[in-house]
Amino acid sequence: MKKYYSYIVILFTILIFTAFTPVAAEAGVHKGMAGKNAVWKYNMDTKTLTITGRGALTSRIKLEDRNLMPVKKIVIKEGITSIDHFQVFENVSCEGRPAQLVLPDSLKSLATASFKGLEISSITIPKNLKDIAPGAFLCWILEEIHVSPENQYFAVEDNVLFSNDKSRLVVYPAGREETVYRVPVSVKKIAPLAFALNKYIKQVVLHKDLRALGAGAFFGCNSLEEINLHQAEKLKKITDFHGYKMGIYLYNGSELDPDDDPPLYHRIVWTGPGEGVYRESFDLGTFEGTDISSIRIPDNVRYMSEDTFKDCFRLREITFGRNFTGEINMEEENRGKSVLLYDLWQLESVRFAEGNPKYTVRDNIIYSRDGSIIYQVLKKN
């Protein structure tokens, strides 16, 4: 009888233990929440990440016992409508190999930096995707972009993504290997971060009807040597992309405290697998990090932002247009409208078009027109 009761106790113990054991008991399978109504499931054997549910993805996907989740395939199932936060895939890694990405027709919008840093070489824009925020596809090996025939909002030509009417250039893939690109005459606006991080492009040819150059458009294009910016005579400003609010950064060892002042943190802007540039700024300049040596600013550009030419180490000559009245080297007085030139250590020549009302250059020194302010003493030729 005692033996019989012993069996009962053992069986009862097993049942109790089973009832209160977490669901993630499948061997090699991890699960978690990716949003209020979204669940992720990771198979360690196949290295497949699958996301199911409905609504927005808002939470970081992360394994509890390790920093990075190595994947070969990411599948987002029908029902997911948006990726609303840049950190959703922050801890997902493709381990240096191209991963397959499957997006559902239910997907309607992507936040900035949605797939930042993932090794994805090909993306297909699904049927109902309408809103793609700047830098959503900051994937340095991205080469191919395809658009569903049923999508009414976007078009693709030579793997470059446009609005459906081709008036807006949305994404020029970072992994596209052509060295020269002519912007189609139909394009009136280049989106923010459109060409960002492409390491192959050497020359970009603009046209006279281009009306807007998006903030940070050529950020990190470190092979870019030539751009006929002066031909885009309808441009009125050149601005930095404010990366702090959009997640175009990582922190070296500490999480962001929203109550702290952003400049207290160093960021890493990822420019390729295993590479990082430590910065204390959170703005991405339109020509930052490019290899240009000479540039002419269109006559109608009135101002440029601080980091427009940051880390342009070969820039020797700048010609400003007739209507440029923005500040130079005065970032504290006019934040966002003061281009910084003092850290361009190769800069030898600055000119202003005839008739410029604010600036003049004499003996390699930039003065205010009335001579009362010295803005910069240039390097001697």
Protein backbone atom coordinates (compact mmCIF):
# COMPACT_ATOMS: atom_id res chain seq x y z
CA MET A 1 0.00 0.00 0.00
CA LYS A 2 2.85 2.35 0.86
CA LYS A 3 4.37 1.60 -2.54
CA TYR A 4 1.04 2.50 -4.19
CA TYR A 5 0.88 5.84 -2.38
CA SER A 6 4.50 6.54 -3.33
CA TYR A 7 3.55 6.18 -7.02
CA ILE A 8 0.63 8.56 -6.49
CA VAL A 9 2.90 11.19 -4.89
CA ILE A 10 5.46 10.92 -7.69
CA LEU A 11 2.76 11.20 -10.39
CA PHE A 12 1.16 14.20 -8.66
CA THR A 13 4.56 15.91 -8.38
CA ILE A 14 5.21 15.38 -12.10
CA LEU A 15 1.79 16.83 -13.01
CA ILE A 16 2.32 19.90 -10.81
CA PHE A 17 5.79 20.54 -12.24
CA THR A 18 4.54 20.18 -15.82
CA ALA A 19 1.61 22.51 -15.25
CA PHE A 20 3.84 25.33 -14.02
CA THR A 21 6.75 24.91 -16.43
CA PRO A 22 7.00 27.78 -19.04
CA VAL A 23 5.68 27.09 -22.52
CA ALA A 24 9.11 27.52 -24.09
CA ALA A 25 9.84 23.88 -23.33
CA GLU A 26 10.31 22.98 -27.02
CA ALA A 27 13.91 21.95 -27.48
CA GLY A 28 15.97 24.71 -29.09
CA VAL A 29 13.03 27.12 -29.32
CA HIS A 30 12.81 30.52 -27.63
CA LYS A 31 9.79 32.81 -27.48
CA GLY A 32 8.95 36.33 -26.43
CA MET A 33 6.81 39.39 -27.05
CA ALA A 34 7.58 41.72 -29.95
CA GLY A 35 4.62 44.02 -29.33
CA LYS A 36 1.35 44.24 -27.48
CA ASN A 37 -0.21 41.58 -29.72
CA ALA A 38 2.88 40.18 -31.43
CA VAL A 39 4.99 37.15 -30.50
CA TRP A 40 8.42 36.10 -31.76
CA LYS A 41 9.65 32.52 -31.96
CA TYR A 42 13.27 31.57 -32.59
CA ASN A 43 14.43 28.13 -33.68
CA MET A 44 18.06 27.67 -32.71
CA ASP A 45 18.54 24.68 -35.01
CA THR A 46 17.36 26.37 -38.21
CA LYS A 47 18.25 29.89 -37.00
CA THR A 48 14.83 31.08 -38.14
CA LEU A 49 13.07 33.98 -36.44
CA THR A 50 9.30 33.98 -36.96
CA ILE A 51 6.99 36.78 -35.82
CA THR A 52 3.24 36.26 -35.57
CA GLY A 53 0.24 38.14 -34.22
CA ARG A 54 -1.28 41.44 -35.23
CA GLY A 55 -0.58 45.15 -35.07
CA ALA A 56 2.75 46.88 -34.48
CA LEU A 57 6.18 45.55 -33.53
CA THR A 58 7.37 47.77 -30.70
CA SER A 59 9.62 45.66 -28.46
CA ARG A 60 13.22 44.55 -28.83
CA ILE A 61 13.70 40.89 -29.77
CA LYS A 62 16.41 39.43 -27.57
CA LEU A 63 17.56 36.13 -26.15
CA GLU A 64 17.89 36.13 -22.38
CA ASP A 65 21.17 34.24 -22.24
CA ARG A 66 23.12 36.02 -24.97
CA ASN A 67 23.50 39.45 -26.51
CA LEU A 68 22.94 38.54 -30.18
CA MET A 69 20.48 36.21 -31.87
CA PRO A 70 22.11 34.65 -34.97
CA VAL A 71 19.60 34.24 -37.82
CA LYS A 72 19.51 32.89 -41.35
CA LYS A 73 15.88 33.78 -42.01
CA ILE A 74 13.39 36.33 -40.66
CA VAL A 75 9.71 35.67 -41.36
CA ILE A 76 7.08 38.25 -40.41
CA LYS A 77 3.64 36.68 -40.75
CA GLU A 78 0.35 38.17 -41.95
CA GLY A 79 -1.33 40.33 -39.33
CA ILE A 80 1.70 42.47 -38.47
CA THR A 81 1.00 45.98 -39.76
CA SER A 82 4.04 48.03 -38.80
CA ILE A 83 7.51 48.17 -37.29
CA ASP A 84 7.30 51.16 -34.97
CA HIS A 85 10.65 51.14 -33.21
CA PHE A 86 14.27 51.10 -34.35
CA GLN A 87 15.34 48.60 -31.67
CA VAL A 88 13.09 45.70 -32.67
CA PHE A 89 15.95 43.89 -34.44
CA GLU A 90 18.79 45.58 -32.52
CA ASN A 91 20.00 42.28 -31.06
CA VAL A 92 19.47 40.18 -34.17
CA SER A 93 22.58 39.26 -36.14
CA CYS A 94 23.05 37.57 -39.49
CA GLU A 95 26.64 36.64 -38.58
CA GLY A 96 28.11 38.12 -41.73
CA ARG A 97 25.93 36.10 -44.10
CA PRO A 98 22.99 37.38 -46.14
CA ALA A 99 19.73 36.48 -44.40
CA GLN A 100 16.37 35.97 -46.03
CA LEU A 101 13.64 38.45 -45.07
CA VAL A 102 9.96 37.70 -45.69
CA LEU A 103 7.53 40.60 -45.25
CA PRO A 104 3.72 40.17 -45.15
CA ASP A 105 1.14 41.93 -47.31
CA SER A 106 -0.44 43.25 -44.11
CA LEU A 107 2.64 45.43 -43.45
CA LYS A 108 1.83 49.12 -43.96
CA SER A 109 4.67 51.15 -42.42
CA LEU A 110 8.33 50.97 -41.39
CA ALA A 111 10.08 53.22 -38.89
CA THR A 112 13.51 54.74 -39.40
CA ALA A 113 16.26 52.15 -38.93
CA SER A 114 13.78 49.26 -38.87
CA PHE A 115 16.36 46.85 -40.31
CA LYS A 116 19.49 48.84 -39.44
CA GLY A 117 22.65 46.78 -39.61
CA LEU A 118 21.07 43.49 -40.72
CA GLU A 119 22.90 41.61 -43.46
CA ILE A 120 20.05 41.53 -45.95
CA SER A 121 20.93 41.56 -49.64
CA SER A 122 17.40 41.53 -51.10
CA ILE A 123 14.08 43.05 -50.02
CA THR A 124 10.63 42.80 -51.60
CA ILE A 125 8.21 45.65 -50.87
CA PRO A 126 4.86 43.95 -50.14
CA LYS A 127 1.43 44.86 -51.46
CA ASN A 128 0.22 47.30 -48.78
CA LEU A 129 3.47 48.90 -47.61
CA LYS A 130 2.87 52.63 -47.96
CA ASP A 131 5.10 54.49 -45.50
CA ILE A 132 8.85 53.90 -45.45
CA ALA A 133 10.65 56.23 -43.04
CA PRO A 134 14.15 57.51 -43.89
CA GLY A 135 16.85 54.93 -43.28
CA ALA A 136 14.43 52.02 -42.79
CA PHE A 137 16.73 49.87 -44.96
CA LEU A 138 20.17 50.84 -43.64
CA CYS A 139 21.58 47.44 -44.59
CA TRP A 140 25.11 47.77 -45.94
CA ILE A 141 24.94 44.71 -48.23
CA LEU A 142 21.48 45.46 -49.64
CA GLU A 143 21.76 45.10 -53.42
CA GLU A 144 18.31 44.24 -54.71
CA ILE A 145 14.94 45.87 -54.11
CA HIS A 146 11.79 44.39 -55.59
CA VAL A 147 8.23 45.72 -55.45
CA SER A 148 5.08 43.61 -55.47
CA PRO A 149 3.13 44.14 -58.72
CA GLU A 150 0.12 44.92 -56.52
CA ASN A 151 1.83 47.74 -54.61
CA GLN A 152 0.44 51.11 -55.72
CA TYR A 153 2.86 53.32 -53.78
CA PHE A 154 6.36 52.42 -54.96
CA ALA A 155 8.25 51.59 -58.12
CA VAL A 156 11.72 50.20 -58.68
CA GLU A 157 14.20 50.73 -61.49
CA ASP A 158 17.66 49.16 -61.55
CA ASN A 159 17.16 48.20 -57.88
CA VAL A 160 16.61 51.85 -56.86
CA LEU A 161 13.34 52.51 -55.03
CA PHE A 162 11.10 55.42 -56.05
CA SER A 163 7.64 56.70 -55.28
CA ASN A 164 5.17 55.25 -57.75
CA ASP A 165 5.28 58.35 -59.98
CA LYS A 166 9.11 58.42 -59.72
CA SER A 167 9.11 61.99 -58.44
CA ARG A 168 10.87 60.93 -55.22
CA LEU A 169 13.99 58.79 -54.92
CA VAL A 170 13.43 56.80 -51.72
CA VAL A 171 16.28 54.27 -51.37
CA TYR A 172 19.51 53.77 -53.26
CA PRO A 173 20.78 50.43 -51.84
CA ALA A 174 23.97 50.59 -49.79
CA GLY A 175 25.25 47.45 -51.53
CA ARG A 176 24.61 48.61 -55.11
CA GLU A 177 28.03 48.42 -56.75
CA GLU A 178 27.70 50.84 -59.69
CA THR A 179 30.12 53.75 -59.39
CA VAL A 180 28.17 56.38 -61.36
CA TYR A 181 24.50 57.26 -60.98
CA ARG A 182 22.40 59.77 -62.89
CA VAL A 183 19.31 60.86 -61.00
CA PRO A 184 16.32 60.52 -63.38
CA VAL A 185 14.84 63.82 -64.56
CA SER A 186 11.47 62.79 -63.13
CA VAL A 187 12.89 62.99 -59.58
CA LYS A 188 12.02 66.21 -57.79
CA LYS A 189 13.11 65.11 -54.32
CA ILE A 190 15.80 62.83 -52.93
CA ALA A 191 14.64 61.38 -49.60
CA PRO A 192 16.63 61.76 -46.37
CA LEU A 193 19.39 59.13 -46.05
CA ALA A 194 18.53 57.87 -49.55
CA PHE A 195 22.14 57.00 -50.53
CA ALA A 196 23.47 56.62 -46.98
CA LEU A 197 26.35 54.18 -46.36
CA ASN A 198 26.83 53.18 -50.00
CA LYS A 199 30.56 52.52 -50.36
CA TYR A 200 30.73 52.13 -54.13
CA ILE A 201 29.22 55.26 -55.64
CA LYS A 202 31.89 57.69 -56.89
CA GLN A 203 29.89 60.14 -58.96
CA VAL A 204 26.30 61.39 -58.74
CA VAL A 205 24.82 63.48 -61.54
CA LEU A 206 21.94 65.75 -60.54
CA HIS A 207 19.67 67.79 -62.80
CA LYS A 208 18.37 71.37 -62.70
CA ASP A 209 14.80 70.48 -61.71
CA LEU A 210 15.69 68.78 -58.42
CA ARG A 211 13.87 70.73 -55.70
CA ALA A 212 14.84 69.03 -52.44
CA LEU A 213 17.86 67.13 -51.18
CA GLY A 214 16.90 65.12 -48.09
CA ALA A 215 18.81 65.47 -44.84
CA GLY A 216 21.83 63.18 -44.67
CA ALA A 217 21.22 61.99 -48.24
CA PHE A 218 24.85 61.00 -48.91
CA PHE A 219 25.94 60.33 -45.34
CA GLY A 220 28.78 57.80 -45.17
CA CYS A 221 29.24 57.45 -48.95
CA ASN A 222 32.99 57.34 -48.47
CA SER A 223 33.83 56.72 -52.14
CA LEU A 224 31.81 59.68 -53.42
CA GLU A 225 34.26 62.02 -55.15
CA GLU A 226 32.12 64.11 -57.46
CA ILE A 227 28.63 65.63 -57.45
CA ASN A 228 27.41 68.50 -59.64
CA LEU A 229 25.44 70.08 -56.82
CA HIS A 230 25.45 73.52 -58.44
CA GLN A 231 23.25 72.19 -61.26
CA ALA A 232 20.41 71.64 -58.79
CA GLU A 233 19.62 75.34 -58.87
CA LYS A 234 16.22 75.03 -57.17
CA LEU A 235 17.61 73.75 -53.87
CA LYS A 236 17.12 76.16 -50.95
CA LYS A 237 18.77 74.40 -48.01
CA ILE A 238 21.03 71.50 -47.03
CA THR A 239 20.31 70.02 -43.61
CA ASP A 240 21.53 67.32 -41.22
CA PHE A 241 19.46 64.27 -40.37
CA HIS A 242 18.66 64.22 -36.66
CA GLY A 243 19.67 60.68 -35.82
CA TYR A 244 19.18 60.91 -32.06
CA LYS A 245 15.39 60.76 -32.23
CA MET A 246 15.40 58.15 -34.97
CA GLY A 247 17.82 55.57 -33.63
CA ILE A 248 20.69 55.88 -36.09
CA TYR A 249 23.20 55.07 -33.39
CA LEU A 250 24.23 52.53 -30.81
CA TYR A 251 25.72 53.14 -27.41
CA ASN A 252 29.06 51.81 -26.25
CA GLY A 253 28.13 49.73 -23.27
CA SER A 254 25.17 51.58 -21.79
CA GLU A 255 21.51 51.96 -22.53
CA LEU A 256 19.94 55.31 -23.30
CA ASP A 257 18.31 56.97 -20.33
CA PRO A 258 15.59 59.23 -21.81
CA ASP A 259 16.02 61.61 -18.88
CA ASP A 260 19.69 62.22 -19.63
CA ASP A 261 21.10 64.80 -21.99
CA PRO A 262 21.95 63.13 -25.37
CA PRO A 263 25.47 64.66 -25.68
CA LEU A 264 26.55 62.72 -22.57
CA TYR A 265 26.53 59.56 -24.66
CA HIS A 266 28.90 58.44 -27.37
CA ARG A 267 27.29 56.82 -30.34
CA ILE A 268 28.49 54.39 -32.95
CA VAL A 269 27.31 54.91 -36.49
CA TRP A 270 27.66 51.53 -38.16
CA THR A 271 29.37 51.87 -41.52
CA GLY A 272 29.92 48.19 -42.20
CA PRO A 273 30.20 44.81 -40.50
CA GLY A 274 32.38 45.19 -37.44
CA GLU A 275 33.09 48.88 -38.05
CA GLY A 276 31.98 51.85 -36.02
CA VAL A 277 32.64 55.56 -35.81
CA TYR A 278 32.47 57.01 -32.30
CA ARG A 279 30.69 60.33 -32.20
CA GLU A 280 29.31 62.75 -29.65
CA SER A 281 26.91 64.27 -32.17
CA PHE A 282 23.63 62.77 -33.20
CA ASP A 283 23.24 64.54 -36.54
CA LEU A 284 24.15 62.94 -39.85
CA GLY A 285 25.50 65.42 -42.39
CA THR A 286 24.37 65.33 -46.01
CA PHE A 287 27.94 64.92 -47.32
CA GLU A 288 29.49 63.67 -44.09
CA GLY A 289 32.31 61.20 -44.62
CA THR A 290 32.38 61.55 -48.41
CA ASP A 291 35.56 61.84 -50.49
CA ILE A 292 34.70 65.03 -52.35
CA SER A 293 37.53 67.51 -52.90
CA SER A 294 35.59 70.39 -54.44
CA ILE A 295 31.96 71.51 -54.34
CA ARG A 296 29.86 74.42 -55.60
CA ILE A 297 26.73 75.38 -53.71
CA PRO A 298 23.71 76.44 -55.82
CA ASP A 299 22.82 80.15 -55.79
CA ASN A 300 19.45 79.63 -54.09
CA VAL A 301 20.77 77.65 -51.09
CA ARG A 302 20.40 80.03 -48.13
CA TYR A 303 21.85 77.90 -45.34
CA MET A 304 23.45 74.57 -44.47
CA SER A 305 23.61 72.63 -41.19
CA GLU A 306 26.60 71.99 -38.95
CA ASP A 307 27.65 68.52 -40.08
CA THR A 308 27.12 69.00 -43.83
CA PHE A 309 30.84 68.44 -44.52
CA LYS A 310 31.91 66.66 -41.34
CA ASP A 311 34.81 64.25 -41.87
CA CYS A 312 35.26 65.30 -45.51
CA PHE A 313 39.01 64.96 -45.16
CA ARG A 314 39.82 65.67 -48.82
CA LEU A 315 37.63 68.75 -49.23
CA ARG A 316 39.83 71.60 -50.44
CA GLU A 317 37.51 74.00 -52.25
CA ILE A 318 34.01 75.30 -51.53
CA THR A 319 32.17 77.91 -53.57
CA PHE A 320 29.07 79.39 -51.95
CA GLY A 321 26.21 80.79 -54.00
CA ARG A 322 24.96 84.33 -54.31
CA ASN A 323 22.10 83.95 -51.80
CA PHE A 324 23.92 82.07 -49.06
CA THR A 325 23.27 84.00 -45.84
CA GLY A 326 23.41 81.19 -43.29
CA GLU A 327 26.01 81.21 -40.54
CA ILE A 328 29.55 79.83 -40.76
CA ASN A 329 31.18 78.34 -37.65
CA MET A 330 28.48 79.82 -35.38
CA GLU A 331 26.68 76.67 -34.24
CA GLU A 332 25.87 77.93 -30.75
CA GLU A 333 24.21 81.09 -32.06
CA ASN A 334 22.21 79.53 -34.87
CA ARG A 335 21.80 75.81 -34.30
CA GLY A 336 20.87 73.90 -37.46
CA LYS A 337 21.72 76.76 -39.81
CA SER A 338 25.45 77.18 -39.34
CA VAL A 339 27.80 75.10 -41.47
CA LEU A 340 31.08 74.18 -39.75
CA LEU A 341 34.27 74.60 -41.75
CA TYR A 342 36.93 74.94 -39.06
CA ASP A 343 37.60 71.20 -38.76
CA LEU A 344 38.19 70.74 -42.51
CA TRP A 345 41.95 70.67 -42.20
CA GLN A 346 42.55 70.35 -45.98
CA LEU A 347 40.34 73.33 -46.86
CA GLU A 348 42.38 75.82 -48.86
CA SER A 349 39.91 77.87 -50.86
CA VAL A 350 36.49 79.35 -50.08
CA ARG A 351 34.72 81.62 -52.54
CA PHE A 352 31.43 83.47 -52.57
CA ALA A 353 29.52 84.22 -55.74
CA GLU A 354 29.52 87.83 -56.87
CA GLY A 355 26.75 89.75 -55.18
CA ASN A 356 26.68 87.70 -51.97
CA PRO A 357 25.39 90.20 -49.37
CA LYS A 358 26.95 88.71 -46.24
CA TYR A 359 30.42 87.29 -46.89
CA THR A 360 33.67 88.08 -48.60
CA VAL A 361 37.16 86.55 -48.70
CA ARG A 362 40.36 88.58 -48.55
CA ASP A 363 43.87 87.16 -48.18
CA ASN A 364 42.45 83.71 -47.50
CA ILE A 365 40.33 84.96 -44.61
CA ILE A 366 36.53 84.73 -44.51
CA TYR A 367 35.03 88.06 -43.36
CA SER A 368 31.58 89.50 -42.98
CA ARG A 369 30.84 91.85 -45.86
CA ASP A 370 31.54 94.92 -43.70
CA GLY A 371 34.76 93.37 -42.34
CA SER A 372 33.64 93.50 -38.71
CA ILE A 373 33.66 89.69 -38.21
CA ILE A 374 36.35 87.14 -39.02
CA TYR A 375 34.80 83.71 -39.56
CA GLN A 376 37.84 81.66 -40.49
CA VAL A 377 41.48 81.93 -41.48
CA LEU A 378 42.04 79.38 -44.22
CA LYS A 379 45.02 77.15 -44.79
CA LYS A 380 47.62 78.72 -47.08
CA ASN A 381 47.97 77.18 -50.53
